[in-house]
Amino acid sequence: MNHIPVINVGILFKPRFEFTLHSPFVTKEGKILSDKWVAELKDGSIVLSNGSQTFQLTNGATLKPQNEEGTFTLHKVTIGINFHWERDEDQMFKGSLKLLIEDDKITAINILSVEDYLMSVISSEMSATSSLQLLKAHAVISRSWLLAQIEKNKALAQETEKYSSVYQSETELIRWYDREDHANFDVCADDHCQRYQGITRANTPMVVQAVKETWGEVLTYNNAICDARFSKCCGGMVEVFEKVWEPVNHPYLQKFVDNDTIPTGFSLDLDNEPSAEKWILGEPDAFCNTNDKEVLSQVLNDYDQETNDFYRWQVTYSQQDLSSLIARRTGMDFGLILDLIPVERGDSGRLIKLKIVGDKKTLIIGKELEIRKALSESHLYSSAFVVEKEEKEQQMKFTLKGAGWGHGVGLCQIGAAVMGAKGYDYNAILMHYFRGAGLEKRY
């Protein structure tokens, strides 16, 4: 792999949307377009109109900029899908625009080079105030993750057996969410993959420097590019890959304490209920256990700073609220929720199986994201929580006391920001979170 790879990113999924071409773009047939257009799905076809002309595009048509610096804007792109800060915004992109019909909607796909994509992802995922070492570490993991997904896509395409990420029986529903549901492009632009908002967020000189100084660098293990994962805050203990996703072991995605010393007074066997409870209700020392506003602002964008408590947090529901929430979020009628019982925990204390007991139905659900989706209007911060029940005046309340933000596998963004602030370089940060991996320049 000596050339810079080109990728397809799914941005927007609507039956009708507006876009603006800021310079001339050309279709395969040689038609030149610019300025504002409406794309609409009509009778199974993509129709473009600009007020004075209307014509049909072939499904999967690509509009290419006539010069390399050409840009386009997609209007009202939904970001933060299903999160508490979900909103629409106009986003500008470099590269080509591909339009594809999927599920009675038009999918807008941005085609661009990996390095251009990274400039944006790092500006979207991280704050402009991030340290250079943190940005360089993030450039390497984002590049590694992306190229590993493309390799995985190719491998999946050659498999005859259909890939499945759901296991269902009378008593259990176990599901994990990875990016296999993107069949027609490499990655999406939301938190499901990596936050990508085109060139809407201006690239700071330091982001450009971080990408250029790590150009083509990836994490590898046994010559294969690492499936480098990251989350906001591990909660003090990093989780094992297969506890969250498919049952495949990656030796470089293992359990360890997010610290250079082992915190005293805690057992680290967090798949054991009493140990997990003590850990989650405690405040063990960890890189990501910080209230340093300057460090946090490196990782948390404006809308993420709407969240304050993430190393340790709690939410309380009345029995009625919890019952209606679970019914709404799972689409199943459990009746009145009587109990939430931990069945199995991962190595970081995250629940990977939870038994929901209702007066009409009882079911074990997992893995961690399925649990988080069932217990919150958006996504619960993490599945590392203990349940406390309290009955007052015949009213039952459920309090979830939790640790961390996200799945906890791989690099912990807040922990890495603290390491950067403490003077660790990007190589040391990467070797802390991806044990046994190496750095390799692929192009």
Protein backbone atom coordinates (compact mmCIF):
# COMPACT_ATOMS: atom_id res chain seq x y z
CA MET A 1 0.00 0.00 0.00
CA ASN A 2 2.16 2.86 -1.25
CA HIS A 3 -0.53 5.18 -2.56
CA ILE A 4 -2.94 7.13 -0.33
CA PRO A 5 -6.20 5.13 -0.09
CA VAL A 6 -9.50 6.74 -1.13
CA ILE A 7 -12.60 6.11 0.99
CA ASN A 8 -16.40 6.40 0.79
CA VAL A 9 -18.12 8.08 3.76
CA GLY A 10 -21.92 7.95 4.18
CA ILE A 11 -23.05 11.43 5.31
CA LEU A 12 -26.78 11.95 4.87
CA PHE A 13 -29.83 9.69 4.42
CA LYS A 14 -33.03 11.49 3.35
CA PRO A 15 -35.68 11.22 0.61
CA ARG A 16 -35.08 14.91 -0.19
CA PHE A 17 -32.24 17.32 0.61
CA GLU A 18 -30.48 20.42 -0.68
CA PHE A 19 -26.83 20.79 -1.58
CA THR A 20 -24.62 23.57 -2.94
CA LEU A 21 -21.67 23.07 -5.30
CA HIS A 22 -19.22 25.92 -4.66
CA SER A 23 -17.33 25.36 -7.91
CA PRO A 24 -18.07 23.40 -11.12
CA PHE A 25 -18.70 19.65 -10.61
CA VAL A 26 -19.07 17.24 -13.50
CA THR A 27 -21.16 14.06 -13.99
CA LYS A 28 -19.92 10.89 -15.71
CA GLU A 29 -21.85 12.01 -18.81
CA GLY A 30 -19.97 15.32 -18.85
CA LYS A 31 -22.80 17.53 -17.52
CA ILE A 32 -21.36 20.48 -15.57
CA LEU A 33 -23.23 21.58 -12.41
CA SER A 34 -22.69 24.35 -9.86
CA ASP A 35 -24.61 26.41 -7.24
CA LYS A 36 -27.67 25.15 -5.28
CA TRP A 37 -29.60 21.96 -6.11
CA VAL A 38 -32.37 19.84 -4.62
CA ALA A 39 -31.99 16.03 -4.77
CA GLU A 40 -35.27 14.16 -4.46
CA LEU A 41 -36.38 10.54 -4.73
CA LYS A 42 -39.26 10.34 -7.22
CA ASP A 43 -40.74 7.03 -8.45
CA GLY A 44 -37.57 5.16 -7.52
CA SER A 45 -35.23 7.62 -9.30
CA ILE A 46 -32.93 10.45 -8.17
CA VAL A 47 -34.13 13.75 -9.59
CA LEU A 48 -32.02 16.93 -9.40
CA SER A 49 -33.57 20.37 -9.80
CA ASN A 50 -32.39 23.97 -9.33
CA GLY A 51 -35.52 25.97 -10.17
CA SER A 52 -34.71 26.38 -13.85
CA GLN A 53 -33.76 22.84 -14.86
CA THR A 54 -34.67 19.32 -13.76
CA PHE A 55 -33.03 16.06 -14.76
CA GLN A 56 -32.68 12.45 -13.61
CA LEU A 57 -29.42 11.03 -12.26
CA THR A 58 -28.48 7.37 -12.55
CA ASN A 59 -28.46 5.53 -9.21
CA GLY A 60 -24.92 5.69 -7.78
CA ALA A 61 -23.93 8.70 -9.92
CA THR A 62 -20.84 10.62 -8.78
CA LEU A 63 -20.37 14.38 -9.09
CA LYS A 64 -16.64 15.14 -9.29
CA PRO A 65 -15.06 18.57 -8.71
CA GLN A 66 -13.33 19.96 -11.79
CA ASN A 67 -10.39 21.08 -9.68
CA GLU A 68 -8.84 19.50 -6.56
CA GLU A 69 -9.89 22.33 -4.28
CA GLY A 70 -13.59 22.01 -5.23
CA THR A 71 -16.02 21.88 -2.29
CA PHE A 72 -19.74 21.28 -1.73
CA THR A 73 -22.18 21.84 1.14
CA LEU A 74 -24.86 19.41 2.27
CA HIS A 75 -27.66 21.30 4.04
CA LYS A 76 -29.31 20.10 7.27
CA VAL A 77 -27.11 17.09 8.00
CA THR A 78 -28.26 15.37 11.21
CA ILE A 79 -25.36 14.93 13.66
CA GLY A 80 -25.32 13.10 16.99
CA ILE A 81 -28.05 10.69 15.82
CA ASN A 82 -29.92 9.36 18.91
CA PHE A 83 -27.66 11.33 21.29
CA HIS A 84 -28.89 14.02 23.67
CA TRP A 85 -27.35 16.74 21.49
CA GLU A 86 -28.77 15.53 18.15
CA ARG A 87 -29.13 18.48 15.77
CA ASP A 88 -29.05 19.49 12.09
CA GLU A 89 -26.25 21.57 10.60
CA ASP A 90 -24.93 22.57 7.18
CA GLN A 91 -21.63 20.85 6.40
CA MET A 92 -19.01 21.55 3.75
CA PHE A 93 -16.90 18.79 2.14
CA LYS A 94 -13.87 18.32 -0.09
CA GLY A 95 -13.83 15.59 -2.75
CA SER A 96 -16.63 14.01 -4.78
CA LEU A 97 -20.34 13.55 -4.01
CA LYS A 98 -22.00 10.22 -4.79
CA LEU A 99 -25.80 9.78 -4.63
CA LEU A 100 -27.24 6.33 -3.99
CA ILE A 101 -30.74 4.96 -3.33
CA GLU A 102 -30.99 2.93 -0.09
CA ASP A 103 -34.16 2.07 1.89
CA ASP A 104 -36.41 4.61 0.08
CA LYS A 105 -33.91 7.39 0.79
CA ILE A 106 -31.01 8.99 -1.04
CA THR A 107 -27.66 8.37 0.61
CA ALA A 108 -25.13 11.17 0.07
CA ILE A 109 -21.60 9.76 0.08
CA ASN A 110 -18.38 11.80 0.22
CA ILE A 111 -15.45 10.25 -1.68
CA LEU A 112 -12.05 11.56 -0.57
CA SER A 113 -8.52 10.55 0.44
CA VAL A 114 -7.84 9.03 3.85
CA GLU A 115 -5.55 11.91 4.85
CA ASP A 116 -8.14 14.60 3.97
CA TYR A 117 -10.70 12.59 5.94
CA LEU A 118 -8.37 12.42 8.95
CA MET A 119 -7.85 16.19 9.03
CA SER A 120 -11.60 16.52 9.52
CA VAL A 121 -12.14 13.57 11.88
CA ILE A 122 -9.52 14.81 14.28
CA SER A 123 -11.00 18.33 14.18
CA SER A 124 -14.48 16.81 14.81
CA GLU A 125 -13.51 14.22 17.44
CA MET A 126 -11.06 16.43 19.33
CA SER A 127 -11.06 20.05 20.40
CA ALA A 128 -8.90 22.63 18.65
CA THR A 129 -7.04 23.12 21.95
CA SER A 130 -5.71 19.53 22.04
CA SER A 131 -1.99 18.97 22.58
CA LEU A 132 0.12 17.93 19.57
CA GLN A 133 0.96 14.52 21.11
CA LEU A 134 -2.72 13.73 21.70
CA LEU A 135 -3.57 14.79 18.13
CA LYS A 136 -0.76 12.65 16.69
CA ALA A 137 -1.92 9.62 18.70
CA HIS A 138 -5.46 10.20 17.46
CA ALA A 139 -4.34 10.54 13.85
CA VAL A 140 -2.64 7.14 14.05
CA ILE A 141 -5.57 5.34 15.68
CA SER A 142 -8.19 6.92 13.39
CA ARG A 143 -6.13 6.00 10.32
CA SER A 144 -5.54 2.46 11.63
CA TRP A 145 -9.18 1.87 12.53
CA LEU A 146 -10.38 3.12 9.15
CA LEU A 147 -7.96 1.04 7.06
CA ALA A 148 -8.67 -2.02 9.24
CA GLN A 149 -12.42 -1.60 8.51
CA ILE A 150 -11.76 -1.49 4.77
CA GLU A 151 -9.68 -4.69 5.04
CA LYS A 152 -12.48 -6.28 7.08
CA ASN A 153 -15.06 -5.23 4.47
CA LYS A 154 -13.07 -6.98 1.75
CA ALA A 155 -12.78 -10.12 3.87
CA LEU A 156 -16.52 -10.10 4.68
CA ALA A 157 -17.39 -9.66 1.00
CA GLN A 158 -15.51 -12.89 0.22
CA GLU A 159 -17.16 -14.94 2.97
CA THR A 160 -19.99 -17.20 1.86
CA GLU A 161 -21.59 -17.39 5.30
CA LYS A 162 -23.66 -14.32 6.17
CA TYR A 163 -22.11 -12.29 8.96
CA SER A 164 -24.43 -12.01 11.96
CA SER A 165 -24.15 -9.78 15.02
CA VAL A 166 -27.37 -10.94 16.73
CA TYR A 167 -28.06 -13.98 18.90
CA GLN A 168 -31.67 -14.48 19.97
CA SER A 169 -33.44 -17.18 22.00
CA GLU A 170 -36.51 -17.39 24.25
CA THR A 171 -34.54 -16.02 27.19
CA GLU A 172 -31.81 -13.84 25.62
CA LEU A 173 -31.27 -11.10 23.05
CA ILE A 174 -27.55 -10.49 22.50
CA ARG A 175 -26.53 -7.99 19.84
CA TRP A 176 -23.43 -5.95 19.10
CA TYR A 177 -23.22 -2.94 16.87
CA ASP A 178 -20.30 -2.64 14.54
CA ARG A 179 -20.06 -1.13 11.12
CA GLU A 180 -21.22 -4.17 9.13
CA ASP A 181 -24.54 -2.44 8.51
CA HIS A 182 -22.78 -0.14 6.02
CA ALA A 183 -22.77 -2.26 2.87
CA ASN A 184 -22.46 0.52 0.28
CA PHE A 185 -19.77 2.72 1.80
CA ASP A 186 -16.75 2.26 4.06
CA VAL A 187 -17.84 4.25 7.13
CA CYS A 188 -20.59 6.62 8.27
CA ALA A 189 -20.00 10.15 9.53
CA ASP A 190 -21.56 9.82 12.98
CA ASP A 191 -20.44 8.48 16.36
CA HIS A 192 -21.42 4.96 15.19
CA CYS A 193 -18.12 5.05 13.23
CA GLN A 194 -16.07 8.23 13.72
CA ARG A 195 -17.42 11.74 13.91
CA TYR A 196 -16.76 13.32 10.50
CA GLN A 197 -18.12 16.76 9.67
CA GLY A 198 -16.24 17.57 6.48
CA ILE A 199 -14.33 20.85 6.51
CA THR A 200 -17.11 22.54 8.51
CA ARG A 201 -14.85 22.58 11.55
CA ALA A 202 -11.78 24.52 10.46
CA ASN A 203 -8.58 22.49 10.67
CA THR A 204 -6.19 24.14 13.07
CA PRO A 205 -2.48 24.34 12.11
CA MET A 206 -1.80 21.79 14.87
CA VAL A 207 -4.26 19.24 13.42
CA VAL A 208 -2.62 19.64 10.00
CA GLN A 209 0.80 19.21 11.66
CA ALA A 210 -0.36 16.07 13.54
CA VAL A 211 -1.63 14.43 10.34
CA LYS A 212 1.45 15.41 8.32
CA GLU A 213 3.90 14.24 11.01
CA THR A 214 2.20 10.82 11.18
CA TRP A 215 1.40 10.60 7.41
CA GLY A 216 0.72 6.95 6.48
CA GLU A 217 1.53 5.68 10.01
CA VAL A 218 -0.63 2.86 11.38
CA LEU A 219 -0.62 0.53 14.37
CA THR A 220 0.14 -3.04 13.37
CA TYR A 221 0.18 -6.43 15.08
CA ASN A 222 1.62 -9.48 13.26
CA ASN A 223 1.77 -7.40 10.03
CA ALA A 224 -1.97 -6.70 10.09
CA ILE A 225 -3.35 -3.18 10.66
CA CYS A 226 -4.84 -2.93 14.15
CA ASP A 227 -8.57 -2.45 14.63
CA ALA A 228 -7.75 0.54 16.85
CA ARG A 229 -10.77 1.50 18.97
CA PHE A 230 -11.26 4.50 21.25
CA SER A 231 -13.88 5.88 23.62
CA LYS A 232 -14.31 9.05 25.69
CA CYS A 233 -13.53 7.69 29.17
CA CYS A 234 -12.79 4.10 30.18
CA GLY A 235 -13.70 4.71 33.83
CA GLY A 236 -10.30 3.54 35.08
CA MET A 237 -10.13 0.08 33.47
CA VAL A 238 -9.83 -0.62 29.75
CA GLU A 239 -12.27 -3.22 28.36
CA VAL A 240 -11.49 -6.28 26.21
CA PHE A 241 -12.60 -6.12 22.54
CA GLU A 242 -14.67 -9.32 22.41
CA LYS A 243 -16.70 -8.40 25.48
CA VAL A 244 -18.16 -5.47 23.48
CA TRP A 245 -18.11 -6.69 19.86
CA GLU A 246 -17.69 -9.94 17.95
CA PRO A 247 -16.11 -12.91 19.77
CA VAL A 248 -12.66 -12.45 18.21
CA ASN A 249 -9.59 -11.90 20.38
CA HIS A 250 -7.25 -9.03 19.49
CA PRO A 251 -4.13 -9.40 21.67
CA TYR A 252 -3.52 -5.61 21.53
CA LEU A 253 -7.04 -4.80 22.90
CA GLN A 254 -6.83 -6.20 26.40
CA LYS A 255 -7.74 -5.34 29.98
CA PHE A 256 -5.44 -3.04 31.98
CA VAL A 257 -5.69 -0.17 34.46
CA ASP A 258 -5.60 3.29 32.86
CA ASN A 259 -2.66 4.34 35.01
CA ASP A 260 1.08 3.80 35.27
CA THR A 261 0.59 2.39 38.79
CA ILE A 262 -2.03 -0.03 40.16
CA PRO A 263 -4.55 1.74 42.45
CA THR A 264 -4.50 0.35 45.99
CA GLY A 265 -7.53 -0.94 47.88
CA PHE A 266 -9.32 -2.48 44.87
CA SER A 267 -9.52 -5.96 43.41
CA LEU A 268 -9.04 -5.81 39.63
CA ASP A 269 -11.28 -8.84 38.94
CA LEU A 270 -14.09 -6.60 37.79
CA ASP A 271 -16.07 -9.41 36.16
CA ASN A 272 -16.80 -10.39 39.77
CA GLU A 273 -19.85 -8.57 41.23
CA PRO A 274 -18.48 -7.42 44.64
CA SER A 275 -15.20 -6.20 43.04
CA ALA A 276 -17.09 -4.40 40.25
CA GLU A 277 -19.39 -2.75 42.79
CA LYS A 278 -16.49 -1.49 44.91
CA TRP A 279 -14.66 -0.20 41.80
CA ILE A 280 -17.69 1.57 40.30
CA LEU A 281 -18.77 3.14 43.62
CA GLY A 282 -15.15 4.11 44.36
CA GLU A 283 -12.81 6.70 42.85
CA PRO A 284 -9.68 4.74 41.84
CA ASP A 285 -6.76 6.81 40.56
CA ALA A 286 -6.54 6.74 36.76
CA PHE A 287 -5.33 8.97 33.96
CA CYS A 288 -8.98 9.59 33.02
CA ASN A 289 -10.00 10.48 36.61
CA THR A 290 -9.59 14.23 36.17
CA ASN A 291 -11.56 17.42 36.66
CA ASP A 292 -8.89 19.54 34.96
CA LYS A 293 -10.99 21.84 32.75
CA GLU A 294 -8.04 22.62 30.48
CA VAL A 295 -7.39 18.93 29.79
CA LEU A 296 -11.09 18.11 29.40
CA SER A 297 -11.57 20.93 26.88
CA GLN A 298 -8.98 19.17 24.68
CA VAL A 299 -11.28 16.17 24.25
CA LEU A 300 -14.78 17.53 24.75
CA ASN A 301 -16.24 19.70 22.01
CA ASP A 302 -18.80 22.36 22.98
CA TYR A 303 -21.73 19.96 22.81
CA ASP A 304 -19.86 17.28 24.77
CA GLN A 305 -19.14 19.78 27.52
CA GLU A 306 -22.91 19.77 28.09
CA THR A 307 -21.87 16.68 30.11
CA ASN A 308 -19.93 17.12 33.35
CA ASP A 309 -19.84 13.87 35.29
CA PHE A 310 -18.49 10.96 33.30
CA TYR A 311 -15.73 9.29 35.38
CA ARG A 312 -18.46 8.50 37.92
CA TRP A 313 -22.13 9.36 37.29
CA GLN A 314 -25.65 8.43 38.32
CA VAL A 315 -29.20 8.53 36.97
CA THR A 316 -32.45 7.86 38.85
CA TYR A 317 -35.74 6.62 37.38
CA SER A 318 -39.12 6.08 38.98
CA GLN A 319 -40.50 2.59 38.37
CA GLN A 320 -43.12 4.01 35.96
CA ASP A 321 -40.55 6.06 34.00
CA LEU A 322 -38.16 3.11 33.73
CA SER A 323 -40.96 0.78 32.60
CA SER A 324 -42.16 3.09 29.84
CA LEU A 325 -38.57 3.93 28.79
CA ILE A 326 -37.60 0.25 28.38
CA ALA A 327 -40.84 -0.50 26.50
CA ARG A 328 -40.19 2.42 24.15
CA ARG A 329 -36.50 1.74 23.59
CA THR A 330 -36.71 -2.06 23.15
CA GLY A 331 -40.12 -2.22 21.45
CA MET A 332 -41.09 -4.97 23.97
CA ASP A 333 -43.73 -4.93 26.68
CA PHE A 334 -42.11 -6.00 29.95
CA GLY A 335 -45.00 -4.54 31.93
CA LEU A 336 -43.94 -2.96 35.22
CA ILE A 337 -40.17 -3.32 35.72
CA LEU A 338 -39.51 -5.17 38.98
CA ASP A 339 -35.73 -5.61 38.80
CA LEU A 340 -32.54 -5.13 36.80
CA ILE A 341 -30.12 -7.97 37.59
CA PRO A 342 -26.44 -8.10 36.48
CA VAL A 343 -25.81 -11.46 34.75
CA GLU A 344 -22.32 -11.05 33.29
CA ARG A 345 -19.68 -8.32 33.38
CA GLY A 346 -16.67 -7.68 31.17
CA ASP A 347 -13.15 -7.09 32.47
CA SER A 348 -13.78 -3.36 33.09
CA GLY A 349 -16.94 -3.98 35.12
CA ARG A 350 -19.14 -3.13 32.11
CA LEU A 351 -22.29 -5.20 31.99
CA ILE A 352 -22.40 -7.39 28.92
CA LYS A 353 -25.55 -9.23 30.03
CA LEU A 354 -28.37 -7.71 32.07
CA LYS A 355 -31.60 -9.42 33.10
CA ILE A 356 -34.67 -7.18 32.85
CA VAL A 357 -37.45 -8.51 35.06
CA GLY A 358 -40.96 -7.22 34.39
CA ASP A 359 -44.35 -8.41 35.60
CA LYS A 360 -45.20 -9.44 32.00
CA LYS A 361 -41.84 -10.48 30.57
CA THR A 362 -38.28 -11.33 31.63
CA LEU A 363 -35.35 -11.20 29.20
CA ILE A 364 -31.54 -11.11 29.33
CA ILE A 365 -30.14 -8.45 26.99
CA GLY A 366 -26.60 -7.61 25.83
CA LYS A 367 -23.98 -6.60 24.77
CA GLU A 368 -23.03 -3.25 26.26
CA LEU A 369 -24.55 -0.89 23.68
CA GLU A 370 -27.84 -2.82 23.63
CA ILE A 371 -27.99 -2.31 27.43
CA ARG A 372 -27.12 1.39 27.11
CA LYS A 373 -29.78 1.91 24.43
CA ALA A 374 -32.49 0.21 26.52
CA LEU A 375 -31.87 2.33 29.62
CA SER A 376 -31.71 5.86 28.22
CA GLU A 377 -33.50 8.19 25.81
CA SER A 378 -30.22 8.41 23.89
CA HIS A 379 -27.30 6.23 25.10
CA LEU A 380 -26.49 5.68 28.75
CA TYR A 381 -22.89 6.84 29.34
CA SER A 382 -21.69 3.28 29.78
CA SER A 383 -22.83 -0.17 30.87
CA ALA A 384 -20.44 -0.15 33.85
CA PHE A 385 -23.07 0.47 36.52
CA VAL A 386 -24.61 -0.95 39.66
CA VAL A 387 -28.35 -0.81 40.33
CA GLU A 388 -29.72 0.48 43.62
CA LYS A 389 -33.44 0.03 44.34
CA GLU A 390 -35.26 2.12 46.89
CA GLU A 391 -38.89 2.00 48.00
CA LYS A 392 -40.47 5.13 49.47
CA GLU A 393 -44.18 5.54 50.17
CA GLN A 394 -44.95 2.55 47.94
CA GLN A 395 -42.97 4.20 45.10
CA MET A 396 -40.00 2.27 43.80
CA LYS A 397 -36.97 4.10 42.40
CA PHE A 398 -34.04 2.68 40.45
CA THR A 399 -30.69 4.49 40.63
CA LEU A 400 -27.92 3.49 38.22
CA LYS A 401 -24.48 4.45 39.55
CA GLY A 402 -21.93 4.18 36.79
CA ALA A 403 -18.37 4.58 35.58
CA GLY A 404 -16.94 5.92 32.33
CA TRP A 405 -18.32 7.14 29.03
CA GLY A 406 -18.41 4.80 26.04
CA HIS A 407 -17.39 1.19 25.44
CA GLY A 408 -13.97 1.53 27.11
CA VAL A 409 -12.00 -0.49 24.52
CA GLY A 410 -8.62 0.75 23.25
CA LEU A 411 -7.58 4.37 23.69
CA CYS A 412 -9.33 6.36 26.42
CA GLN A 413 -9.51 9.91 25.01
CA ILE A 414 -9.58 11.68 28.38
CA GLY A 415 -6.81 9.42 29.72
CA ALA A 416 -4.72 10.11 26.61
CA ALA A 417 -5.27 13.88 27.00
CA VAL A 418 -3.99 13.66 30.60
CA MET A 419 -0.97 11.61 29.43
CA GLY A 420 -0.22 14.28 26.80
CA ALA A 421 -0.48 17.01 29.46
CA LYS A 422 1.92 15.01 31.67
CA GLY A 423 4.54 14.99 28.92
CA TYR A 424 4.11 11.52 27.37
CA ASP A 425 4.76 11.54 23.61
CA TYR A 426 2.31 10.04 21.10
CA ASN A 427 4.29 6.80 20.80
CA ALA A 428 4.15 6.25 24.59
CA ILE A 429 0.41 7.05 24.61
CA LEU A 430 -0.22 4.51 21.82
CA MET A 431 1.91 1.80 23.46
CA HIS A 432 0.05 2.32 26.77
CA TYR A 433 -3.35 1.69 25.15
CA PHE A 434 -2.42 -0.83 22.43
CA ARG A 435 -0.20 -3.31 24.24
CA GLY A 436 2.14 -5.28 22.00
CA ALA A 437 1.31 -3.30 18.84
CA GLY A 438 3.93 -1.50 16.74
CA LEU A 439 4.00 1.66 14.59
CA GLU A 440 4.52 1.21 10.85
CA LYS A 441 4.56 3.66 7.93
CA ARG A 442 2.45 2.15 5.11
CA TYR A 443 2.63 4.97 2.54
